[in-house]
Amino acid sequence: MKMNDLRAKLLNAIDEVQSGNLEATEAKSIVGLANQVSQSINVEIKSMQMQRDLGRKIDKLGDMKIC
């Protein structure tokens, strides 16, 4: 799985709330998921900066392997 895959799954959950397929109580969890999207982007950018500083090849944003 790549970071881009994770973000896509989280964004799909947000779409489910907007379409009414998730209960209001479940919608609260989406806020936490959105925070995870933001955090994943920040982590990936920091990692890319470290890779650049070390003179290593930098992956395209969203392609960082997480497992």
Protein backbone atom coordinates (compact mmCIF):
# COMPACT_ATOMS: atom_id res chain seq x y z
CA MET A 1 0.00 0.00 0.00
CA LYS A 2 1.19 3.50 -0.80
CA MET A 3 0.37 6.79 0.89
CA ASN A 4 -1.72 7.79 -2.09
CA ASP A 5 -3.86 4.66 -1.64
CA LEU A 6 -4.43 5.52 2.02
CA ARG A 7 -5.50 9.05 1.20
CA ALA A 8 -7.86 7.81 -1.50
CA LYS A 9 -9.57 5.45 0.96
CA LEU A 10 -9.98 8.21 3.52
CA LEU A 11 -11.37 10.60 0.93
CA ASN A 12 -13.83 7.94 -0.24
CA ALA A 13 -15.15 7.72 3.32
CA ILE A 14 -15.78 11.46 3.26
CA ASP A 15 -17.76 11.02 0.03
CA GLU A 16 -19.91 8.37 1.77
CA VAL A 17 -20.84 10.88 4.47
CA GLN A 18 -21.76 13.49 1.90
CA SER A 19 -23.96 11.04 0.01
CA GLY A 20 -25.79 10.06 3.20
CA ASN A 21 -24.49 6.49 3.32
CA LEU A 22 -22.97 6.98 6.79
CA GLU A 23 -24.79 7.84 10.02
CA ALA A 24 -24.18 11.22 11.69
CA THR A 25 -22.30 9.50 14.52
CA GLU A 26 -20.03 7.83 12.00
CA ALA A 27 -19.47 11.21 10.35
CA LYS A 28 -17.61 12.34 13.47
CA SER A 29 -15.00 9.71 12.73
CA ILE A 30 -14.47 11.30 9.33
CA VAL A 31 -13.01 14.36 11.05
CA GLY A 32 -10.30 12.11 12.47
CA LEU A 33 -9.78 10.55 9.06
CA ALA A 34 -9.36 13.97 7.46
CA ASN A 35 -6.72 14.76 10.06
CA GLN A 36 -4.94 11.55 9.08
CA VAL A 37 -4.92 12.67 5.45
CA SER A 38 -3.28 15.92 6.45
CA GLN A 39 -0.76 14.17 8.68
CA SER A 40 0.13 11.65 5.99
CA ILE A 41 0.91 14.45 3.55
CA ASN A 42 3.08 16.22 6.12
CA VAL A 43 5.01 13.04 6.96
CA GLU A 44 5.58 12.25 3.33
CA ILE A 45 6.84 15.76 2.55
CA LYS A 46 9.24 15.67 5.51
CA SER A 47 10.51 12.29 4.35
CA MET A 48 11.02 13.64 0.84
CA GLN A 49 13.01 16.57 2.22
CA MET A 50 15.22 14.20 4.22
CA GLN A 51 15.78 12.00 1.18
CA ARG A 52 16.71 15.05 -0.89
CA ASP A 53 19.13 16.28 1.79
CA LEU A 54 20.81 12.86 1.81
CA GLY A 55 21.18 12.95 -1.97
CA ARG A 56 18.79 10.06 -2.51
CA LYS A 57 16.15 9.62 -5.20
CA ILE A 58 12.85 11.23 -4.24
CA ASP A 59 9.60 9.39 -4.99
CA LYS A 60 6.63 11.22 -6.43
CA LEU A 61 4.23 12.53 -3.77
CA GLY A 62 1.81 9.72 -2.99
CA ASP A 63 4.20 6.92 -3.95
CA MET A 64 5.97 6.48 -0.59
CA LYS A 65 5.66 2.89 0.60
CA ILE A 66 4.15 2.51 4.08
CA CYS A 67 4.46 -1.24 4.47
